[in-house]
All heavy atoms as atom14 arrays in JSON, in Angstrom:
{
  "sequence": "LNMIASENLVSKAVLEAQGSVLTNKYAEGYPGARYYGGCAWVDR",
  "atom14_mask": [
    [1, 1, 1, 1, 1, 1, 1, 1, 0, 0, 0, 0, 0, 0],
    [1, 1, 1, 1, 1, 1, 1, 1, 0, 0, 0, 0, 0, 0],
    [1, 1, 1, 1, 1, 1, 1, 1, 0, 0, 0, 0, 0, 0],
    [1, 1, 1, 1, 1, 1, 1, 1, 0, 0, 0, 0, 0, 0],
    [1, 1, 1, 1, 1, 0, 0, 0, 0, 0, 0, 0, 0, 0],
    [1, 1, 1, 1, 1, 1, 0, 0, 0, 0, 0, 0, 0, 0],
    [1, 1, 1, 1, 1, 1, 1, 1, 1, 0, 0, 0, 0, 0],
    [1, 1, 1, 1, 1, 1, 1, 1, 0, 0, 0, 0, 0, 0],
    [1, 1, 1, 1, 1, 1, 1, 1, 0, 0, 0, 0, 0, 0],
    [1, 1, 1, 1, 1, 1, 1, 0, 0, 0, 0, 0, 0, 0],
    [1, 1, 1, 1, 1, 1, 0, 0, 0, 0, 0, 0, 0, 0],
    [1, 1, 1, 1, 1, 1, 1, 1, 1, 0, 0, 0, 0, 0],
    [1, 1, 1, 1, 1, 0, 0, 0, 0, 0, 0, 0, 0, 0],
    [1, 1, 1, 1, 1, 1, 1, 0, 0, 0, 0, 0, 0, 0],
    [1, 1, 1, 1, 1, 1, 1, 1, 0, 0, 0, 0, 0, 0],
    [1, 1, 1, 1, 1, 1, 1, 1, 1, 0, 0, 0, 0, 0],
    [1, 1, 1, 1, 1, 0, 0, 0, 0, 0, 0, 0, 0, 0],
    [1, 1, 1, 1, 1, 1, 1, 1, 1, 0, 0, 0, 0, 0],
    [1, 1, 1, 1, 0, 0, 0, 0, 0, 0, 0, 0, 0, 0],
    [1, 1, 1, 1, 1, 1, 0, 0, 0, 0, 0, 0, 0, 0],
    [1, 1, 1, 1, 1, 1, 1, 0, 0, 0, 0, 0, 0, 0],
    [1, 1, 1, 1, 1, 1, 1, 1, 0, 0, 0, 0, 0, 0],
    [1, 1, 1, 1, 1, 1, 1, 0, 0, 0, 0, 0, 0, 0],
    [1, 1, 1, 1, 1, 1, 1, 1, 0, 0, 0, 0, 0, 0],
    [1, 1, 1, 1, 1, 1, 1, 1, 1, 0, 0, 0, 0, 0],
    [1, 1, 1, 1, 1, 1, 1, 1, 1, 1, 1, 1, 0, 0],
    [1, 1, 1, 1, 1, 0, 0, 0, 0, 0, 0, 0, 0, 0],
    [1, 1, 1, 1, 1, 1, 1, 1, 1, 0, 0, 0, 0, 0],
    [1, 1, 1, 1, 0, 0, 0, 0, 0, 0, 0, 0, 0, 0],
    [1, 1, 1, 1, 1, 1, 1, 1, 1, 1, 1, 1, 0, 0],
    [1, 1, 1, 1, 1, 1, 1, 0, 0, 0, 0, 0, 0, 0],
    [1, 1, 1, 1, 0, 0, 0, 0, 0, 0, 0, 0, 0, 0],
    [1, 1, 1, 1, 1, 0, 0, 0, 0, 0, 0, 0, 0, 0],
    [1, 1, 1, 1, 1, 1, 1, 1, 1, 1, 1, 0, 0, 0],
    [1, 1, 1, 1, 1, 1, 1, 1, 1, 1, 1, 1, 0, 0],
    [1, 1, 1, 1, 1, 1, 1, 1, 1, 1, 1, 1, 0, 0],
    [1, 1, 1, 1, 0, 0, 0, 0, 0, 0, 0, 0, 0, 0],
    [1, 1, 1, 1, 0, 0, 0, 0, 0, 0, 0, 0, 0, 0],
    [1, 1, 1, 1, 1, 1, 0, 0, 0, 0, 0, 0, 0, 0],
    [1, 1, 1, 1, 1, 0, 0, 0, 0, 0, 0, 0, 0, 0],
    [1, 1, 1, 1, 1, 1, 1, 1, 1, 1, 1, 1, 1, 1],
    [1, 1, 1, 1, 1, 1, 1, 0, 0, 0, 0, 0, 0, 0],
    [1, 1, 1, 1, 1, 1, 1, 1, 0, 0, 0, 0, 0, 0],
    [1, 1, 1, 1, 1, 1, 1, 1, 1, 1, 1, 0, 0, 0]
  ],
  "atom14_positions": [
    [[82.21, 124.83, 90.28], [83.61, 125.02, 89.89], [84.2, 126.11, 90.78], [83.86, 127.28, 90.64], [83.7, 125.43, 88.43], [83.28, 124.38, 87.37], [83.22, 124.99, 85.99], [84.23, 123.18, 87.4], [0.0, 0.0, 0.0], [0.0, 0.0, 0.0], [0.0, 0.0, 0.0], [0.0, 0.0, 0.0], [0.0, 0.0, 0.0], [0.0, 0.0, 0.0]],
    [[85.03, 125.69, 91.7], [85.62, 126.65, 92.65], [86.89, 127.21, 92.04], [87.91, 126.54, 91.95], [85.92, 125.96, 93.98], [86.53, 126.9, 94.99], [86.6, 128.13, 94.77], [87.0, 126.37, 96.09], [0.0, 0.0, 0.0], [0.0, 0.0, 0.0], [0.0, 0.0, 0.0], [0.0, 0.0, 0.0], [0.0, 0.0, 0.0], [0.0, 0.0, 0.0]],
    [[86.84, 128.5, 91.68], [88.0, 129.17, 91.11], [88.51, 130.28, 92.04], [89.18, 131.22, 91.59], [87.63, 129.73, 89.72], [87.13, 128.66, 88.79], [86.82, 129.25, 87.09], [88.52, 129.42, 86.5], [0.0, 0.0, 0.0], [0.0, 0.0, 0.0], [0.0, 0.0, 0.0], [0.0, 0.0, 0.0], [0.0, 0.0, 0.0], [0.0, 0.0, 0.0]],
    [[88.18, 130.16, 93.32], [88.73, 131.08, 94.32], [90.21, 130.74, 94.5], [90.55, 129.62, 94.9], [87.99, 130.98, 95.65], [86.48, 131.17, 95.47], [88.57, 131.97, 96.65], [86.06, 132.55, 95.05], [0.0, 0.0, 0.0], [0.0, 0.0, 0.0], [0.0, 0.0, 0.0], [0.0, 0.0, 0.0], [0.0, 0.0, 0.0], [0.0, 0.0, 0.0]],
    [[91.08, 131.67, 94.2], [92.54, 131.39, 94.22], [93.07, 131.03, 95.58], [94.1, 130.37, 95.71], [93.31, 132.58, 93.65], [0.0, 0.0, 0.0], [0.0, 0.0, 0.0], [0.0, 0.0, 0.0], [0.0, 0.0, 0.0], [0.0, 0.0, 0.0], [0.0, 0.0, 0.0], [0.0, 0.0, 0.0], [0.0, 0.0, 0.0], [0.0, 0.0, 0.0]],
    [[92.38, 131.43, 96.64], [92.85, 131.19, 98.01], [92.2, 129.97, 98.65], [92.34, 129.77, 99.86], [92.61, 132.43, 98.88], [91.25, 132.84, 98.78], [0.0, 0.0, 0.0], [0.0, 0.0, 0.0], [0.0, 0.0, 0.0], [0.0, 0.0, 0.0], [0.0, 0.0, 0.0], [0.0, 0.0, 0.0], [0.0, 0.0, 0.0], [0.0, 0.0, 0.0]],
    [[91.51, 129.16, 97.85], [90.87, 127.96, 98.39], [91.42, 126.72, 97.7], [92.02, 126.79, 96.63], [89.35, 128.03, 98.23], [88.7, 129.16, 99.05], [87.2, 129.18, 98.94], [86.6, 128.25, 98.32], [86.59, 130.14, 99.47], [0.0, 0.0, 0.0], [0.0, 0.0, 0.0], [0.0, 0.0, 0.0], [0.0, 0.0, 0.0], [0.0, 0.0, 0.0]],
    [[91.17, 125.57, 98.32], [91.64, 124.29, 97.77], [90.84, 123.17, 98.41], [89.95, 123.43, 99.24], [93.14, 124.13, 98.03], [93.81, 123.25, 96.96], [93.19, 122.4, 96.34], [95.09, 123.47, 96.78], [0.0, 0.0, 0.0], [0.0, 0.0, 0.0], [0.0, 0.0, 0.0], [0.0, 0.0, 0.0], [0.0, 0.0, 0.0], [0.0, 0.0, 0.0]],
    [[91.17, 121.94, 98.08], [90.56, 120.76, 98.67], [91.63, 119.99, 99.43], [92.65, 119.64, 98.86], [89.99, 119.84, 97.58], [88.84, 120.35, 96.74], [88.5, 119.34, 95.65], [87.61, 120.63, 97.6], [0.0, 0.0, 0.0], [0.0, 0.0, 0.0], [0.0, 0.0, 0.0], [0.0, 0.0, 0.0], [0.0, 0.0, 0.0], [0.0, 0.0, 0.0]],
    [[91.4, 119.76, 100.71], [92.37, 118.98, 101.48], [92.1, 117.49, 101.24], [91.01, 117.1, 100.79], [92.29, 119.29, 102.99], [92.58, 120.74, 103.23], [90.93, 118.88, 103.57], [0.0, 0.0, 0.0], [0.0, 0.0, 0.0], [0.0, 0.0, 0.0], [0.0, 0.0, 0.0], [0.0, 0.0, 0.0], [0.0, 0.0, 0.0], [0.0, 0.0, 0.0]],
    [[93.04, 116.66, 101.59], [92.87, 115.21, 101.49], [91.96, 114.73, 102.61], [91.74, 115.42, 103.61], [94.23, 114.51, 101.58], [94.75, 114.66, 102.91], [0.0, 0.0, 0.0], [0.0, 0.0, 0.0], [0.0, 0.0, 0.0], [0.0, 0.0, 0.0], [0.0, 0.0, 0.0], [0.0, 0.0, 0.0], [0.0, 0.0, 0.0], [0.0, 0.0, 0.0]],
    [[91.47, 113.5, 102.46], [90.65, 112.92, 103.52], [91.48, 112.74, 104.79], [90.96, 112.82, 105.89], [90.03, 111.6, 103.07], [88.89, 111.75, 102.07], [88.22, 110.43, 101.8], [86.98, 110.63, 100.89], [86.3, 109.35, 100.64], [0.0, 0.0, 0.0], [0.0, 0.0, 0.0], [0.0, 0.0, 0.0], [0.0, 0.0, 0.0], [0.0, 0.0, 0.0]],
    [[92.76, 112.47, 104.62], [93.64, 112.32, 105.77], [93.74, 113.6, 106.58], [93.68, 113.58, 107.81], [95.04, 111.87, 105.33], [0.0, 0.0, 0.0], [0.0, 0.0, 0.0], [0.0, 0.0, 0.0], [0.0, 0.0, 0.0], [0.0, 0.0, 0.0], [0.0, 0.0, 0.0], [0.0, 0.0, 0.0], [0.0, 0.0, 0.0], [0.0, 0.0, 0.0]],
    [[93.81, 114.72, 105.9], [93.83, 116.02, 106.58], [92.49, 116.27, 107.28], [92.44, 116.73, 108.44], [94.13, 117.18, 105.59], [93.89, 118.54, 106.23], [95.59, 117.08, 105.12], [0.0, 0.0, 0.0], [0.0, 0.0, 0.0], [0.0, 0.0, 0.0], [0.0, 0.0, 0.0], [0.0, 0.0, 0.0], [0.0, 0.0, 0.0], [0.0, 0.0, 0.0]],
    [[91.39, 115.94, 106.6], [90.07, 116.07, 107.22], [89.96, 115.26, 108.5], [89.43, 115.71, 109.51], [88.97, 115.66, 106.24], [88.59, 116.62, 105.12], [87.57, 115.96, 104.22], [88.03, 117.92, 105.68], [0.0, 0.0, 0.0], [0.0, 0.0, 0.0], [0.0, 0.0, 0.0], [0.0, 0.0, 0.0], [0.0, 0.0, 0.0], [0.0, 0.0, 0.0]],
    [[90.48, 114.02, 108.45], [90.39, 113.16, 109.62], [91.22, 113.66, 110.78], [90.79, 113.62, 111.93], [90.79, 111.73, 109.22], [89.77, 111.05, 108.32], [90.2, 109.68, 107.84], [91.27, 109.2, 108.3], [89.49, 109.06, 107.03], [0.0, 0.0, 0.0], [0.0, 0.0, 0.0], [0.0, 0.0, 0.0], [0.0, 0.0, 0.0], [0.0, 0.0, 0.0]],
    [[92.42, 114.16, 110.47], [93.26, 114.7, 111.54], [92.62, 115.95, 112.15], [92.62, 116.14, 113.39], [94.63, 115.02, 111.01], [0.0, 0.0, 0.0], [0.0, 0.0, 0.0], [0.0, 0.0, 0.0], [0.0, 0.0, 0.0], [0.0, 0.0, 0.0], [0.0, 0.0, 0.0], [0.0, 0.0, 0.0], [0.0, 0.0, 0.0], [0.0, 0.0, 0.0]],
    [[92.04, 116.78, 111.3], [91.42, 118.01, 111.8], [90.21, 117.73, 112.63], [89.91, 118.45, 113.59], [91.07, 118.92, 110.6], [90.53, 120.27, 111.0], [90.55, 121.26, 109.85], [91.21, 121.06, 108.86], [89.79, 122.33, 110.0], [0.0, 0.0, 0.0], [0.0, 0.0, 0.0], [0.0, 0.0, 0.0], [0.0, 0.0, 0.0], [0.0, 0.0, 0.0]],
    [[89.47, 116.69, 112.31], [88.26, 116.34, 113.07], [88.53, 115.28, 114.13], [87.65, 114.46, 114.42], [0.0, 0.0, 0.0], [0.0, 0.0, 0.0], [0.0, 0.0, 0.0], [0.0, 0.0, 0.0], [0.0, 0.0, 0.0], [0.0, 0.0, 0.0], [0.0, 0.0, 0.0], [0.0, 0.0, 0.0], [0.0, 0.0, 0.0], [0.0, 0.0, 0.0]],
    [[89.73, 115.3, 114.73], [90.13, 114.23, 115.65], [89.99, 114.61, 117.1], [89.61, 115.75, 117.44], [91.62, 113.89, 115.39], [92.44, 114.98, 115.77], [0.0, 0.0, 0.0], [0.0, 0.0, 0.0], [0.0, 0.0, 0.0], [0.0, 0.0, 0.0], [0.0, 0.0, 0.0], [0.0, 0.0, 0.0], [0.0, 0.0, 0.0], [0.0, 0.0, 0.0]],
    [[90.3, 113.68, 117.99], [90.2, 113.9, 119.45], [91.2, 114.95, 119.94], [91.07, 115.41, 121.08], [90.41, 112.59, 120.23], [89.31, 111.61, 119.92], [91.8, 111.98, 119.93], [0.0, 0.0, 0.0], [0.0, 0.0, 0.0], [0.0, 0.0, 0.0], [0.0, 0.0, 0.0], [0.0, 0.0, 0.0], [0.0, 0.0, 0.0], [0.0, 0.0, 0.0]],
    [[92.15, 115.36, 119.1], [93.07, 116.39, 119.56], [92.37, 117.71, 119.8], [92.92, 118.6, 120.46], [94.2, 116.58, 118.54], [95.17, 115.39, 118.36], [96.36, 115.8, 117.53], [95.62, 114.82, 119.69], [0.0, 0.0, 0.0], [0.0, 0.0, 0.0], [0.0, 0.0, 0.0], [0.0, 0.0, 0.0], [0.0, 0.0, 0.0], [0.0, 0.0, 0.0]],
    [[91.14, 117.85, 119.27], [90.38, 119.08, 119.55], [90.04, 119.18, 121.02], [89.69, 120.26, 121.53], [89.1, 119.13, 118.69], [88.58, 120.44, 118.7], [88.05, 118.16, 119.2], [0.0, 0.0, 0.0], [0.0, 0.0, 0.0], [0.0, 0.0, 0.0], [0.0, 0.0, 0.0], [0.0, 0.0, 0.0], [0.0, 0.0, 0.0], [0.0, 0.0, 0.0]],
    [[90.11, 118.07, 121.75], [89.79, 118.07, 123.19], [90.93, 118.56, 124.06], [90.73, 118.78, 125.26], [89.42, 116.64, 123.64], [88.23, 116.08, 122.92], [87.35, 116.81, 122.51], [88.19, 114.77, 122.74], [0.0, 0.0, 0.0], [0.0, 0.0, 0.0], [0.0, 0.0, 0.0], [0.0, 0.0, 0.0], [0.0, 0.0, 0.0], [0.0, 0.0, 0.0]],
    [[92.14, 118.72, 123.49], [93.31, 118.97, 124.34], [93.73, 120.43, 124.3], [93.97, 121.03, 123.25], [94.5, 118.1, 123.84], [95.67, 118.18, 124.78], [95.38, 117.44, 126.1], [96.4, 117.78, 127.16], [96.04, 118.96, 127.97], [0.0, 0.0, 0.0], [0.0, 0.0, 0.0], [0.0, 0.0, 0.0], [0.0, 0.0, 0.0], [0.0, 0.0, 0.0]],
    [[93.85, 121.01, 125.48], [94.36, 122.37, 125.63], [95.84, 122.28, 125.93], [96.24, 121.57, 126.87], [93.62, 123.08, 126.76], [93.66, 124.59, 126.67], [93.35, 125.23, 125.49], [94.01, 125.35, 127.77], [93.38, 126.63, 125.4], [94.05, 126.74, 127.7], [93.72, 127.37, 126.49], [93.76, 128.73, 126.41], [0.0, 0.0, 0.0], [0.0, 0.0, 0.0]],
    [[96.66, 122.94, 125.15], [98.12, 122.75, 125.26], [98.84, 124.09, 125.19], [99.76, 124.28, 124.41], [98.61, 121.82, 124.14], [0.0, 0.0, 0.0], [0.0, 0.0, 0.0], [0.0, 0.0, 0.0], [0.0, 0.0, 0.0], [0.0, 0.0, 0.0], [0.0, 0.0, 0.0], [0.0, 0.0, 0.0], [0.0, 0.0, 0.0], [0.0, 0.0, 0.0]],
    [[98.46, 125.03, 126.04], [99.07, 126.34, 126.06], [100.56, 126.22, 126.32], [100.99, 125.52, 127.26], [98.41, 127.19, 127.16], [98.64, 128.65, 127.03], [97.77, 129.43, 128.02], [97.99, 129.23, 129.23], [96.91, 130.21, 127.59], [0.0, 0.0, 0.0], [0.0, 0.0, 0.0], [0.0, 0.0, 0.0], [0.0, 0.0, 0.0], [0.0, 0.0, 0.0]],
    [[101.36, 126.9, 125.48], [102.79, 126.83, 125.59], [103.4, 126.1, 124.39], [102.82, 126.1, 123.3], [0.0, 0.0, 0.0], [0.0, 0.0, 0.0], [0.0, 0.0, 0.0], [0.0, 0.0, 0.0], [0.0, 0.0, 0.0], [0.0, 0.0, 0.0], [0.0, 0.0, 0.0], [0.0, 0.0, 0.0], [0.0, 0.0, 0.0], [0.0, 0.0, 0.0]],
    [[104.57, 125.5, 124.6], [105.26, 124.8, 123.52], [105.68, 123.4, 124.01], [105.69, 123.15, 125.23], [106.49, 125.6, 123.08], [106.13, 126.85, 122.3], [106.1, 128.09, 122.95], [105.78, 126.79, 120.96], [105.73, 129.25, 122.24], [105.42, 127.93, 120.26], [105.38, 129.16, 120.91], [105.02, 130.28, 120.21], [0.0, 0.0, 0.0], [0.0, 0.0, 0.0]],
    [[105.99, 122.5, 123.09], [106.38, 121.16, 123.49], [107.47, 121.15, 124.54], [108.49, 121.83, 124.39], [106.86, 120.52, 122.17], [106.08, 121.23, 121.12], [105.96, 122.63, 121.61], [0.0, 0.0, 0.0], [0.0, 0.0, 0.0], [0.0, 0.0, 0.0], [0.0, 0.0, 0.0], [0.0, 0.0, 0.0], [0.0, 0.0, 0.0], [0.0, 0.0, 0.0]],
    [[107.24, 120.44, 125.63], [108.18, 120.35, 126.72], [108.06, 121.49, 127.71], [108.72, 121.49, 128.75], [0.0, 0.0, 0.0], [0.0, 0.0, 0.0], [0.0, 0.0, 0.0], [0.0, 0.0, 0.0], [0.0, 0.0, 0.0], [0.0, 0.0, 0.0], [0.0, 0.0, 0.0], [0.0, 0.0, 0.0], [0.0, 0.0, 0.0], [0.0, 0.0, 0.0]],
    [[107.22, 122.47, 127.41], [107.05, 123.64, 128.29], [105.58, 124.08, 128.27], [105.27, 125.24, 127.97], [107.97, 124.77, 127.88], [0.0, 0.0, 0.0], [0.0, 0.0, 0.0], [0.0, 0.0, 0.0], [0.0, 0.0, 0.0], [0.0, 0.0, 0.0], [0.0, 0.0, 0.0], [0.0, 0.0, 0.0], [0.0, 0.0, 0.0], [0.0, 0.0, 0.0]],
    [[104.67, 123.14, 128.52], [103.24, 123.45, 128.51], [102.8, 123.94, 129.9], [103.45, 123.69, 130.89], [102.42, 122.2, 128.13], [102.82, 121.54, 126.83], [102.43, 122.34, 125.62], [102.59, 121.55, 124.4], [102.4, 121.99, 123.18], [102.03, 123.26, 122.98], [102.59, 121.2, 122.13], [0.0, 0.0, 0.0], [0.0, 0.0, 0.0], [0.0, 0.0, 0.0]],
    [[101.64, 124.58, 129.89], [101.06, 125.06, 131.15], [100.01, 124.08, 131.66], [99.34, 124.35, 132.66], [100.44, 126.44, 130.96], [101.5, 127.53, 130.87], [102.28, 127.66, 129.74], [101.73, 128.39, 131.94], [103.27, 128.63, 129.66], [102.73, 129.35, 131.88], [103.47, 129.49, 130.73], [104.46, 130.45, 130.67], [0.0, 0.0, 0.0], [0.0, 0.0, 0.0]],
    [[99.85, 122.94, 131.0], [98.9, 121.9, 131.39], [99.56, 120.55, 131.3], [100.48, 120.34, 130.51], [97.66, 121.93, 130.48], [96.87, 123.23, 130.56], [97.19, 124.28, 129.72], [95.82, 123.35, 131.45], [96.47, 125.46, 129.78], [95.09, 124.54, 131.5], [95.44, 125.6, 130.67], [94.72, 126.75, 130.74], [0.0, 0.0, 0.0], [0.0, 0.0, 0.0]],
    [[99.04, 119.59, 132.08], [99.53, 118.22, 131.99], [98.85, 117.47, 130.86], [97.98, 117.99, 130.18], [0.0, 0.0, 0.0], [0.0, 0.0, 0.0], [0.0, 0.0, 0.0], [0.0, 0.0, 0.0], [0.0, 0.0, 0.0], [0.0, 0.0, 0.0], [0.0, 0.0, 0.0], [0.0, 0.0, 0.0], [0.0, 0.0, 0.0], [0.0, 0.0, 0.0]],
    [[99.27, 116.25, 130.67], [98.65, 115.4, 129.66], [98.99, 115.74, 128.23], [98.22, 115.46, 127.32], [0.0, 0.0, 0.0], [0.0, 0.0, 0.0], [0.0, 0.0, 0.0], [0.0, 0.0, 0.0], [0.0, 0.0, 0.0], [0.0, 0.0, 0.0], [0.0, 0.0, 0.0], [0.0, 0.0, 0.0], [0.0, 0.0, 0.0], [0.0, 0.0, 0.0]],
    [[100.17, 116.36, 128.02], [100.51, 116.86, 126.68], [101.53, 116.0, 125.93], [102.07, 116.43, 124.92], [101.04, 118.29, 126.79], [99.79, 119.51, 127.23], [0.0, 0.0, 0.0], [0.0, 0.0, 0.0], [0.0, 0.0, 0.0], [0.0, 0.0, 0.0], [0.0, 0.0, 0.0], [0.0, 0.0, 0.0], [0.0, 0.0, 0.0], [0.0, 0.0, 0.0]],
    [[101.8, 114.79, 126.46], [102.86, 113.98, 125.85], [102.63, 113.74, 124.35], [103.54, 113.88, 123.54], [102.97, 112.66, 126.57], [0.0, 0.0, 0.0], [0.0, 0.0, 0.0], [0.0, 0.0, 0.0], [0.0, 0.0, 0.0], [0.0, 0.0, 0.0], [0.0, 0.0, 0.0], [0.0, 0.0, 0.0], [0.0, 0.0, 0.0], [0.0, 0.0, 0.0]],
    [[101.39, 113.42, 123.99], [101.14, 113.07, 122.57], [100.97, 114.3, 121.7], [101.41, 114.28, 120.55], [99.9, 112.15, 122.5], [100.2, 110.82, 123.09], [99.73, 110.32, 124.27], [101.08, 109.84, 122.57], [100.26, 109.09, 124.51], [101.1, 108.75, 123.49], [101.88, 109.74, 121.43], [101.86, 107.61, 123.3], [102.65, 108.59, 121.21], [102.62, 107.55, 122.14]],
    [[100.37, 115.36, 122.22], [100.28, 116.55, 121.4], [101.67, 117.19, 121.24], [101.94, 117.85, 120.22], [99.27, 117.59, 121.94], [97.85, 117.02, 121.84], [99.61, 118.01, 123.35], [0.0, 0.0, 0.0], [0.0, 0.0, 0.0], [0.0, 0.0, 0.0], [0.0, 0.0, 0.0], [0.0, 0.0, 0.0], [0.0, 0.0, 0.0], [0.0, 0.0, 0.0]],
    [[102.54, 117.02, 122.22], [103.92, 117.48, 122.07], [104.58, 116.78, 120.88], [105.27, 117.42, 120.07], [104.74, 117.22, 123.31], [104.54, 118.25, 124.41], [103.7, 119.16, 124.21], [105.23, 118.18, 125.45], [0.0, 0.0, 0.0], [0.0, 0.0, 0.0], [0.0, 0.0, 0.0], [0.0, 0.0, 0.0], [0.0, 0.0, 0.0], [0.0, 0.0, 0.0]],
    [[104.35, 115.49, 120.76], [104.94, 114.74, 119.66], [104.38, 115.21, 118.34], [105.1, 115.35, 117.32], [104.69, 113.25, 119.83], [105.46, 112.63, 121.0], [105.29, 111.13, 121.08], [105.87, 110.45, 119.94], [105.99, 109.11, 119.82], [105.54, 108.34, 120.83], [106.52, 108.56, 118.75], [0.0, 0.0, 0.0], [0.0, 0.0, 0.0], [0.0, 0.0, 0.0]]
  ]
}
């Protein structure tokens, strides 16, 4: 029984997004003003 007030359970959808291929992408900067190429999808 987890009664830690600062914890919770995320949905499976959140888990899947967090464990996705986006972990492979370095995107220093902000959308439209990145310091690396290949950021079209992470910008979105």
